[in-house]
Amino acid sequence: MELQRITVLGTGVLGAQIIFQTAYHGLPVIGYDISEQALAAANQRLDALVAQYAQYFGNPQKAQSARESIELTSDLADAVREADLVIEAVPENLEIKAQTYRKLAVLAPEQAIFATNSSTLLPSDIAEFTGRPGQFLALHYANRIWSNNTGEVMGTPATTPEAYEAVVDFAERTGLVAIRVLKEQPGYVLNSLLVPFLQSASHLLVNGVADAQTIDKTWKLGTGAPHGPFEIFDIVGLNTAYNISRAGDATSQKFAELLKTQYIDQGKLGAAAGEGFYKYN
């Protein structure tokens, strides 16, 4: 089962990257979002990715060709009409995902496989809404896909081996290192390691132990890591950090409130927006 025609639902920071990564590796891809306004923002993200891919891979012509091959639409039926694989990257909200999959189950071809990119929800939380639990699983991308090219593949007890292997094959054909997650785990492998690290940093900040810049400097000097935790928050996006933190313990909720009042409400959403904990060109 070779997956050739790809649809990505959601064109935010990571959704746009999934679209571009797929196109760059030669597969036809359609990006869907709910409005023309959302698609206008998607076009800007995709245009910016041309330079990122051209610089990283050293092939400007291929990057531009990939951009020109991408189709965008706000018509869900049109987006999935011929899809072999639908990758869902809509907001991390179970009700939004449930509504999306209920529509998708009716509109997508019978043979299509569905993959969620959720970083916090287990695929088993969503499977009942898909109408095809055997053809549903998780494919989790890391931000900045072109360089951080892990593709964590995690099924449910109902996922068929054929669907699982087809998604592993798709991941590898689109430049990812397929990470086989052997059982369901909140956060997969990557975020099971990353989230506690970022939470520890956020607790140091809200408890007044050190400021963000000092925490980042300490981590980078002490470990040789290229990024500190608050630089990572900026890369991931502060809206995502906020949504995860507000569901945590009391200290995490204080961090969520800090993010909202001091950053998000002021348009400081992270690196993609030009400013978060740090300013970016």
C-alpha atoms as a PDB file:
ATOM      1  CA  MET A   1       0.000   0.000   0.000  1.00  0.00           C
ATOM      2  CA  GLU A   2       1.869   3.091  -1.235  1.00  0.00           C
ATOM      3  CA  LEU A   3       0.372   6.409  -0.204  1.00  0.00           C
ATOM      4  CA  GLN A   4       0.691   8.913  -3.051  1.00  0.00           C
ATOM      5  CA  ARG A   5      -2.006  11.605  -2.748  1.00  0.00           C
ATOM      6  CA  ILE A   6      -1.762  13.515   0.502  1.00  0.00           C
ATOM      7  CA  THR A   7      -4.069  15.992   2.222  1.00  0.00           C
ATOM      8  CA  VAL A   8      -3.080  17.991   5.303  1.00  0.00           C
ATOM      9  CA  LEU A   9      -5.843  19.450   7.484  1.00  0.00           C
ATOM     10  CA  GLY A  10      -4.638  22.589   9.227  1.00  0.00           C
ATOM     11  CA  THR A  11      -2.144  25.091   7.844  1.00  0.00           C
ATOM     12  CA  GLY A  12      -0.664  26.561  11.004  1.00  0.00           C
ATOM     13  CA  VAL A  13       3.064  26.635  11.734  1.00  0.00           C
ATOM     14  CA  LEU A  14       3.497  22.857  11.751  1.00  0.00           C
ATOM     15  CA  GLY A  15       0.739  22.093   9.253  1.00  0.00           C
ATOM     16  CA  ALA A  16       2.414  24.352   6.694  1.00  0.00           C
ATOM     17  CA  GLN A  17       5.714  22.586   7.295  1.00  0.00           C
ATOM     18  CA  ILE A  18       4.094  19.158   6.797  1.00  0.00           C
ATOM     19  CA  ILE A  19       2.621  20.390   3.516  1.00  0.00           C
ATOM     20  CA  PHE A  20       5.936  21.769   2.298  1.00  0.00           C
ATOM     21  CA  GLN A  21       7.961  18.732   3.407  1.00  0.00           C
ATOM     22  CA  THR A  22       5.595  16.453   1.490  1.00  0.00           C
ATOM     23  CA  ALA A  23       5.731  18.598  -1.640  1.00  0.00           C
ATOM     24  CA  TYR A  24       9.510  18.951  -1.471  1.00  0.00           C
ATOM     25  CA  HIS A  25       9.819  15.171  -1.645  1.00  0.00           C
ATOM     26  CA  GLY A  26       7.729  15.005  -4.777  1.00  0.00           C
ATOM     27  CA  LEU A  27       4.245  13.991  -3.645  1.00  0.00           C
ATOM     28  CA  PRO A  28       1.080  15.875  -4.618  1.00  0.00           C
ATOM     29  CA  VAL A  29      -0.347  17.557  -1.531  1.00  0.00           C
ATOM     30  CA  ILE A  30      -3.425  19.619  -0.744  1.00  0.00           C
ATOM     31  CA  GLY A  31      -3.610  21.841   2.321  1.00  0.00           C
ATOM     32  CA  TYR A  32      -7.017  22.517   3.883  1.00  0.00           C
ATOM     33  CA  ASP A  33      -8.090  25.188   6.339  1.00  0.00           C
ATOM     34  CA  ILE A  34     -11.433  26.573   7.425  1.00  0.00           C
ATOM     35  CA  SER A  35     -11.391  30.018   5.793  1.00  0.00           C
ATOM     36  CA  GLU A  36      -9.832  32.147   3.105  1.00  0.00           C
ATOM     37  CA  GLN A  37      -8.245  34.243   5.851  1.00  0.00           C
ATOM     38  CA  ALA A  38      -6.514  31.148   7.239  1.00  0.00           C
ATOM     39  CA  LEU A  39      -5.351  30.213   3.754  1.00  0.00           C
ATOM     40  CA  ALA A  40      -3.922  33.700   3.198  1.00  0.00           C
ATOM     41  CA  ALA A  41      -1.796  33.212   6.313  1.00  0.00           C
ATOM     42  CA  ALA A  42      -0.856  29.741   5.032  1.00  0.00           C
ATOM     43  CA  ASN A  43       0.391  31.229   1.775  1.00  0.00           C
ATOM     44  CA  GLN A  44       2.691  33.538   3.724  1.00  0.00           C
ATOM     45  CA  ARG A  45       4.056  30.620   5.773  1.00  0.00           C
ATOM     46  CA  LEU A  46       4.649  28.522   2.672  1.00  0.00           C
ATOM     47  CA  ASP A  47       6.370  31.395   0.869  1.00  0.00           C
ATOM     48  CA  ALA A  48       8.714  31.793   3.848  1.00  0.00           C
ATOM     49  CA  LEU A  49       9.521  28.076   3.799  1.00  0.00           C
ATOM     50  CA  VAL A  50      10.932  28.347   0.269  1.00  0.00           C
ATOM     51  CA  ALA A  51      13.944  30.214   1.647  1.00  0.00           C
ATOM     52  CA  GLN A  52      14.300  27.825   4.597  1.00  0.00           C
ATOM     53  CA  TYR A  53      14.404  24.751   2.359  1.00  0.00           C
ATOM     54  CA  ALA A  54      16.574  26.423  -0.266  1.00  0.00           C
ATOM     55  CA  GLN A  55      19.155  27.370   2.348  1.00  0.00           C
ATOM     56  CA  TYR A  56      19.100  24.045   4.206  1.00  0.00           C
ATOM     57  CA  PHE A  57      19.212  21.743   1.172  1.00  0.00           C
ATOM     58  CA  GLY A  58      21.074  24.074  -1.202  1.00  0.00           C
ATOM     59  CA  ASN A  59      18.532  23.667  -3.996  1.00  0.00           C
ATOM     60  CA  PRO A  60      16.496  26.861  -4.557  1.00  0.00           C
ATOM     61  CA  GLN A  61      14.931  25.573  -7.773  1.00  0.00           C
ATOM     62  CA  LYS A  62      13.564  22.443  -6.084  1.00  0.00           C
ATOM     63  CA  ALA A  63      12.230  24.509  -3.182  1.00  0.00           C
ATOM     64  CA  GLN A  64      10.434  26.882  -5.560  1.00  0.00           C
ATOM     65  CA  SER A  65       9.013  23.984  -7.574  1.00  0.00           C
ATOM     66  CA  ALA A  66       7.703  22.395  -4.395  1.00  0.00           C
ATOM     67  CA  ARG A  67       5.976  25.662  -3.453  1.00  0.00           C
ATOM     68  CA  GLU A  68       4.342  25.948  -6.862  1.00  0.00           C
ATOM     69  CA  SER A  69       2.995  22.385  -6.672  1.00  0.00           C
ATOM     70  CA  ILE A  70       1.025  22.944  -3.449  1.00  0.00           C
ATOM     71  CA  GLU A  71      -2.748  23.335  -3.653  1.00  0.00           C
ATOM     72  CA  LEU A  72      -4.766  25.034  -0.906  1.00  0.00           C
ATOM     73  CA  THR A  73      -8.512  24.955  -0.347  1.00  0.00           C
ATOM     74  CA  SER A  74     -11.190  25.758   2.223  1.00  0.00           C
ATOM     75  CA  ASP A  75     -13.503  23.088   0.767  1.00  0.00           C
ATOM     76  CA  LEU A  76     -13.058  19.919   2.850  1.00  0.00           C
ATOM     77  CA  ALA A  77     -14.834  17.650   0.369  1.00  0.00           C
ATOM     78  CA  ASP A  78     -12.600  18.850  -2.436  1.00  0.00           C
ATOM     79  CA  ALA A  79      -9.485  18.524  -0.259  1.00  0.00           C
ATOM     80  CA  VAL A  80      -9.969  14.839   0.571  1.00  0.00           C
ATOM     81  CA  ARG A  81     -11.830  13.589  -2.514  1.00  0.00           C
ATOM     82  CA  GLU A  82      -8.875  11.583  -3.854  1.00  0.00           C
ATOM     83  CA  ALA A  83      -6.677  11.347  -0.746  1.00  0.00           C
ATOM     84  CA  ASP A  84      -4.710   8.226   0.100  1.00  0.00           C
ATOM     85  CA  LEU A  85      -3.516   9.746   3.373  1.00  0.00           C
ATOM     86  CA  VAL A  86      -5.081  12.560   5.393  1.00  0.00           C
ATOM     87  CA  ILE A  87      -2.798  14.101   8.011  1.00  0.00           C
ATOM     88  CA  GLU A  88      -4.704  16.058  10.639  1.00  0.00           C
ATOM     89  CA  ALA A  89      -2.929  19.021  12.232  1.00  0.00           C
ATOM     90  CA  VAL A  90      -5.875  20.992  13.647  1.00  0.00           C
ATOM     91  CA  PRO A  91      -5.746  22.642  17.118  1.00  0.00           C
ATOM     92  CA  GLU A  92      -5.076  20.486  20.182  1.00  0.00           C
ATOM     93  CA  ASN A  93      -8.694  20.344  21.274  1.00  0.00           C
ATOM     94  CA  LEU A  94     -10.544  17.028  21.394  1.00  0.00           C
ATOM     95  CA  GLU A  95     -13.908  18.496  20.398  1.00  0.00           C
ATOM     96  CA  ILE A  96     -12.426  20.255  17.359  1.00  0.00           C
ATOM     97  CA  LYS A  97     -10.694  17.051  16.334  1.00  0.00           C
ATOM     98  CA  ALA A  98     -13.881  15.014  16.876  1.00  0.00           C
ATOM     99  CA  GLN A  99     -15.895  17.388  14.674  1.00  0.00           C
ATOM    100  CA  THR A 100     -13.191  17.243  12.003  1.00  0.00           C
ATOM    101  CA  TYR A 101     -13.057  13.445  11.915  1.00  0.00           C
ATOM    102  CA  ARG A 102     -16.840  13.034  11.861  1.00  0.00           C
ATOM    103  CA  LYS A 103     -16.900  15.104   8.660  1.00  0.00           C
ATOM    104  CA  LEU A 104     -13.818  13.415   7.299  1.00  0.00           C
ATOM    105  CA  ALA A 105     -15.237   9.921   7.788  1.00  0.00           C
ATOM    106  CA  VAL A 106     -18.078  10.743   5.397  1.00  0.00           C
ATOM    107  CA  LEU A 107     -16.092  12.655   2.779  1.00  0.00           C
ATOM    108  CA  ALA A 108     -12.813  10.737   2.407  1.00  0.00           C
ATOM    109  CA  PRO A 109     -12.417   7.689   0.141  1.00  0.00           C
ATOM    110  CA  GLU A 110     -13.003   4.337   1.807  1.00  0.00           C
ATOM    111  CA  GLN A 111      -9.360   3.293   1.426  1.00  0.00           C
ATOM    112  CA  ALA A 112      -7.868   6.513   2.841  1.00  0.00           C
ATOM    113  CA  ILE A 113      -5.733   6.318   5.964  1.00  0.00           C
ATOM    114  CA  PHE A 114      -6.088   9.021   8.622  1.00  0.00           C
ATOM    115  CA  ALA A 115      -3.113  10.168  10.724  1.00  0.00           C
ATOM    116  CA  THR A 116      -3.240  12.648  13.590  1.00  0.00           C
ATOM    117  CA  ASN A 117      -0.270  14.876  14.367  1.00  0.00           C
ATOM    118  CA  SER A 118      -1.568  15.490  17.900  1.00  0.00           C
ATOM    119  CA  SER A 119       1.229  15.915  20.406  1.00  0.00           C
ATOM    120  CA  THR A 120      -0.892  15.575  23.557  1.00  0.00           C
ATOM    121  CA  LEU A 121      -3.846  13.310  22.718  1.00  0.00           C
ATOM    122  CA  LEU A 122      -3.539   9.568  22.261  1.00  0.00           C
ATOM    123  CA  PRO A 123      -4.872   8.203  18.966  1.00  0.00           C
ATOM    124  CA  SER A 124      -7.218   6.008  21.030  1.00  0.00           C
ATOM    125  CA  ASP A 125      -8.833   9.226  22.326  1.00  0.00           C
ATOM    126  CA  ILE A 126      -9.814  10.066  18.752  1.00  0.00           C
ATOM    127  CA  ALA A 127     -10.270   6.694  17.008  1.00  0.00           C
ATOM    128  CA  GLU A 128     -14.011   6.353  17.674  1.00  0.00           C
ATOM    129  CA  PHE A 129     -14.720   9.521  15.658  1.00  0.00           C
ATOM    130  CA  THR A 130     -12.866   8.396  12.537  1.00  0.00           C
ATOM    131  CA  GLY A 131     -15.287   5.725  11.295  1.00  0.00           C
ATOM    132  CA  ARG A 132     -12.258   3.577  10.380  1.00  0.00           C
ATOM    133  CA  PRO A 133     -10.178   2.753  13.487  1.00  0.00           C
ATOM    134  CA  GLY A 134      -8.167   0.144  11.589  1.00  0.00           C
ATOM    135  CA  GLN A 135      -6.938   2.851   9.214  1.00  0.00           C
ATOM    136  CA  PHE A 136      -6.178   5.429  11.877  1.00  0.00           C
ATOM    137  CA  LEU A 137      -2.976   6.155  13.794  1.00  0.00           C
ATOM    138  CA  ALA A 138      -0.640   8.966  14.815  1.00  0.00           C
ATOM    139  CA  LEU A 139       2.205  10.466  12.793  1.00  0.00           C
ATOM    140  CA  HIS A 140       3.975  13.045  14.908  1.00  0.00           C
ATOM    141  CA  TYR A 141       6.311  15.597  13.354  1.00  0.00           C
ATOM    142  CA  ALA A 142       8.837  17.749  15.200  1.00  0.00           C
ATOM    143  CA  ASN A 143       8.877  21.485  14.509  1.00  0.00           C
ATOM    144  CA  ARG A 144      11.383  22.567  11.809  1.00  0.00           C
ATOM    145  CA  ILE A 145      10.770  19.331   9.965  1.00  0.00           C
ATOM    146  CA  TRP A 146      13.463  19.906   7.359  1.00  0.00           C
ATOM    147  CA  SER A 147      16.202  19.476  10.006  1.00  0.00           C
ATOM    148  CA  ASN A 148      14.430  17.881  12.987  1.00  0.00           C
ATOM    149  CA  ASN A 149      13.108  15.141  10.747  1.00  0.00           C
ATOM    150  CA  THR A 150      11.663  12.566  13.120  1.00  0.00           C
ATOM    151  CA  GLY A 151       8.356  10.960  12.183  1.00  0.00           C
ATOM    152  CA  GLU A 152       6.943   9.159  15.222  1.00  0.00           C
ATOM    153  CA  VAL A 153       4.454   6.501  14.130  1.00  0.00           C
ATOM    154  CA  MET A 154       2.114   5.292  16.878  1.00  0.00           C
ATOM    155  CA  GLY A 155      -0.915   3.093  16.338  1.00  0.00           C
ATOM    156  CA  THR A 156      -3.765   1.939  18.546  1.00  0.00           C
ATOM    157  CA  PRO A 157      -4.655  -1.705  19.284  1.00  0.00           C
ATOM    158  CA  ALA A 158      -7.104  -1.433  16.365  1.00  0.00           C
ATOM    159  CA  THR A 159      -4.618  -0.100  13.778  1.00  0.00           C
ATOM    160  CA  THR A 160      -3.920  -2.701  11.102  1.00  0.00           C
ATOM    161  CA  PRO A 161      -0.300  -3.680  10.369  1.00  0.00           C
ATOM    162  CA  GLU A 162      -0.887  -2.682   6.743  1.00  0.00           C
ATOM    163  CA  ALA A 163      -1.911   0.865   7.670  1.00  0.00           C
ATOM    164  CA  TYR A 164       0.990   1.179  10.108  1.00  0.00           C
ATOM    165  CA  GLU A 165       3.583   0.052   7.562  1.00  0.00           C
ATOM    166  CA  ALA A 166       2.095   2.278   4.857  1.00  0.00           C
ATOM    167  CA  VAL A 167       2.586   5.332   7.087  1.00  0.00           C
ATOM    168  CA  VAL A 168       6.126   4.264   8.021  1.00  0.00           C
ATOM    169  CA  ASP A 169       6.872   3.986   4.293  1.00  0.00           C
ATOM    170  CA  PHE A 170       5.323   7.407   3.617  1.00  0.00           C
ATOM    171  CA  ALA A 171       7.407   8.960   6.402  1.00  0.00           C
ATOM    172  CA  GLU A 172      10.612   7.561   4.959  1.00  0.00           C
ATOM    173  CA  ARG A 173       9.742   8.617   1.392  1.00  0.00           C
ATOM    174  CA  THR A 174       9.228  12.182   2.572  1.00  0.00           C
ATOM    175  CA  GLY A 175      12.617  12.582   4.210  1.00  0.00           C
ATOM    176  CA  LEU A 176      11.758  11.560   7.764  1.00  0.00           C
ATOM    177  CA  VAL A 177      13.444   9.101  10.070  1.00  0.00           C
ATOM    178  CA  ALA A 178      10.513   6.866  11.009  1.00  0.00           C
ATOM    179  CA  ILE A 179      10.385   6.279  14.766  1.00  0.00           C
ATOM    180  CA  ARG A 180       8.357   3.161  15.551  1.00  0.00           C
ATOM    181  CA  VAL A 181       6.544   3.796  18.835  1.00  0.00           C
ATOM    182  CA  LEU A 182       5.663   0.317  20.069  1.00  0.00           C
ATOM    183  CA  LYS A 183       2.731   1.204  22.327  1.00  0.00           C
ATOM    184  CA  GLU A 184       0.580   4.240  22.998  1.00  0.00           C
ATOM    185  CA  GLN A 185       2.353   6.810  25.106  1.00  0.00           C
ATOM    186  CA  PRO A 186       1.220  10.382  25.801  1.00  0.00           C
ATOM    187  CA  GLY A 187       3.886  12.568  24.202  1.00  0.00           C
ATOM    188  CA  TYR A 188       5.337   9.722  22.148  1.00  0.00           C
ATOM    189  CA  VAL A 189       9.130   9.476  22.625  1.00  0.00           C
ATOM    190  CA  LEU A 190      10.192  13.034  21.806  1.00  0.00           C
ATOM    191  CA  ASN A 191       7.680  14.969  23.887  1.00  0.00           C
ATOM    192  CA  SER A 192       7.900  12.476  26.754  1.00  0.00           C
ATOM    193  CA  LEU A 193      11.474  13.736  27.045  1.00  0.00           C
ATOM    194  CA  LEU A 194      10.898  17.363  26.028  1.00  0.00           C
ATOM    195  CA  VAL A 195       7.769  18.365  27.971  1.00  0.00           C
ATOM    196  CA  PRO A 196       9.115  17.621  31.489  1.00  0.00           C
ATOM    197  CA  PHE A 197      12.270  19.559  30.577  1.00  0.00           C
ATOM    198  CA  LEU A 198      10.267  22.587  29.426  1.00  0.00           C
ATOM    199  CA  GLN A 199       7.975  22.316  32.449  1.00  0.00           C
ATOM    200  CA  SER A 200      10.974  22.402  34.782  1.00  0.00           C
ATOM    201  CA  ALA A 201      12.190  25.564  33.071  1.00  0.00           C
ATOM    202  CA  SER A 202       8.775  27.221  33.294  1.00  0.00           C
ATOM    203  CA  HIS A 203       8.570  26.414  37.009  1.00  0.00           C
ATOM    204  CA  LEU A 204      11.983  27.982  37.605  1.00  0.00           C
ATOM    205  CA  LEU A 205      10.737  31.131  35.897  1.00  0.00           C
ATOM    206  CA  VAL A 206       7.381  31.544  37.656  1.00  0.00           C
ATOM    207  CA  ASN A 207       8.900  30.652  41.041  1.00  0.00           C
ATOM    208  CA  GLY A 208      11.380  33.501  40.599  1.00  0.00           C
ATOM    209  CA  VAL A 209      14.495  31.316  40.660  1.00  0.00           C
ATOM    210  CA  ALA A 210      15.979  32.869  37.492  1.00  0.00           C
ATOM    211  CA  ASP A 211      14.866  34.795  34.419  1.00  0.00           C
ATOM    212  CA  ALA A 212      14.379  33.146  31.025  1.00  0.00           C
ATOM    213  CA  GLN A 213      17.696  34.316  29.586  1.00  0.00           C
ATOM    214  CA  THR A 214      19.644  33.033  32.589  1.00  0.00           C
ATOM    215  CA  ILE A 215      17.894  29.672  32.472  1.00  0.00           C
ATOM    216  CA  ASP A 216      18.665  29.324  28.754  1.00  0.00           C
ATOM    217  CA  LYS A 217      22.294  30.358  29.221  1.00  0.00           C
ATOM    218  CA  THR A 218      22.772  27.888  32.075  1.00  0.00           C
ATOM    219  CA  TRP A 219      21.376  24.999  30.048  1.00  0.00           C
ATOM    220  CA  LYS A 220      23.422  25.767  26.947  1.00  0.00           C
ATOM    221  CA  LEU A 221      26.683  26.291  28.831  1.00  0.00           C
ATOM    222  CA  GLY A 222      26.189  23.253  31.028  1.00  0.00           C
ATOM    223  CA  THR A 223      25.189  20.786  28.306  1.00  0.00           C
ATOM    224  CA  GLY A 224      26.428  22.181  24.990  1.00  0.00           C
ATOM    225  CA  ALA A 225      22.837  22.165  23.680  1.00  0.00           C
ATOM    226  CA  PRO A 226      22.146  24.604  20.818  1.00  0.00           C
ATOM    227  CA  HIS A 227      18.920  25.950  22.351  1.00  0.00           C
ATOM    228  CA  GLY A 228      17.683  26.707  25.829  1.00  0.00           C
ATOM    229  CA  PRO A 229      14.133  25.889  26.957  1.00  0.00           C
ATOM    230  CA  PHE A 230      12.717  29.354  26.334  1.00  0.00           C
ATOM    231  CA  GLU A 231      14.244  29.443  22.867  1.00  0.00           C
ATOM    232  CA  ILE A 232      12.482  26.117  22.308  1.00  0.00           C
ATOM    233  CA  PHE A 233       9.214  27.603  23.567  1.00  0.00           C
ATOM    234  CA  ASP A 234       9.605  30.328  20.927  1.00  0.00           C
ATOM    235  CA  ILE A 235      10.293  27.756  18.205  1.00  0.00           C
ATOM    236  CA  VAL A 236       7.289  25.618  19.171  1.00  0.00           C
ATOM    237  CA  GLY A 237       5.048  28.681  19.486  1.00  0.00           C
ATOM    238  CA  LEU A 238       3.670  30.217  22.655  1.00  0.00           C
ATOM    239  CA  ASN A 239       0.058  29.354  21.825  1.00  0.00           C
ATOM    240  CA  THR A 240       0.991  25.671  21.939  1.00  0.00           C
ATOM    241  CA  ALA A 241       2.915  26.180  25.177  1.00  0.00           C
ATOM    242  CA  TYR A 242      -0.092  27.988  26.639  1.00  0.00           C
ATOM    243  CA  ASN A 243      -2.574  25.258  25.697  1.00  0.00           C
ATOM    244  CA  ILE A 244      -0.401  22.565  27.256  1.00  0.00           C
ATOM    245  CA  SER A 245       0.470  24.543  30.397  1.00  0.00           C
ATOM    246  CA  ARG A 246      -3.059  25.577  31.271  1.00  0.00           C
ATOM    247  CA  ALA A 247      -4.009  21.889  31.582  1.00  0.00           C
ATOM    248  CA  GLY A 248      -1.158  21.219  34.031  1.00  0.00           C
ATOM    249  CA  ASP A 249      -0.599  21.681  37.750  1.00  0.00           C
ATOM    250  CA  ALA A 250      -0.987  24.960  39.649  1.00  0.00           C
ATOM    251  CA  THR A 251       2.517  26.182  38.784  1.00  0.00           C
ATOM    252  CA  SER A 252       2.040  25.306  35.116  1.00  0.00           C
ATOM    253  CA  GLN A 253      -1.222  27.265  35.140  1.00  0.00           C
ATOM    254  CA  LYS A 254       0.650  30.280  36.521  1.00  0.00           C
ATOM    255  CA  PHE A 255       3.037  29.953  33.598  1.00  0.00           C
ATOM    256  CA  ALA A 256       0.064  29.761  31.218  1.00  0.00           C
ATOM    257  CA  GLU A 257      -1.301  32.995  32.671  1.00  0.00           C
ATOM    258  CA  LEU A 258       2.108  34.648  32.302  1.00  0.00           C
ATOM    259  CA  LEU A 259       2.264  33.558  28.659  1.00  0.00           C
ATOM    260  CA  LYS A 260      -1.205  34.920  27.962  1.00  0.00           C
ATOM    261  CA  THR A 261      -0.895  38.309  29.637  1.00  0.00           C
ATOM    262  CA  GLN A 262       2.738  39.161  28.908  1.00  0.00           C
ATOM    263  CA  TYR A 263       3.183  37.568  25.495  1.00  0.00           C
ATOM    264  CA  ILE A 264       0.182  36.167  23.610  1.00  0.00           C
ATOM    265  CA  ASP A 265      -2.166  39.106  24.290  1.00  0.00           C
ATOM    266  CA  GLN A 266       0.585  41.413  22.998  1.00  0.00           C
ATOM    267  CA  GLY A 267       1.075  39.459  19.778  1.00  0.00           C
ATOM    268  CA  LYS A 268       4.353  37.936  20.965  1.00  0.00           C
ATOM    269  CA  LEU A 269       3.648  34.409  19.793  1.00  0.00           C
ATOM    270  CA  GLY A 270       7.171  33.102  19.273  1.00  0.00           C
ATOM    271  CA  ALA A 271       9.792  32.923  16.550  1.00  0.00           C
ATOM    272  CA  ALA A 272       7.289  32.643  13.674  1.00  0.00           C
ATOM    273  CA  ALA A 273       5.676  35.933  14.758  1.00  0.00           C
ATOM    274  CA  GLY A 274       9.008  37.731  15.151  1.00  0.00           C
ATOM    275  CA  GLU A 275       8.928  37.934  18.937  1.00  0.00           C
ATOM    276  CA  GLY A 276       8.334  35.753  21.958  1.00  0.00           C
ATOM    277  CA  PHE A 277      10.775  35.490  24.828  1.00  0.00           C
ATOM    278  CA  TYR A 278      13.280  36.808  22.283  1.00  0.00           C
ATOM    279  CA  LYS A 279      13.079  39.083  19.222  1.00  0.00           C
ATOM    280  CA  TYR A 280      13.751  37.671  15.751  1.00  0.00           C
ATOM    281  CA  ASN A 281      14.496  39.208  12.346  1.00  0.00           C
END
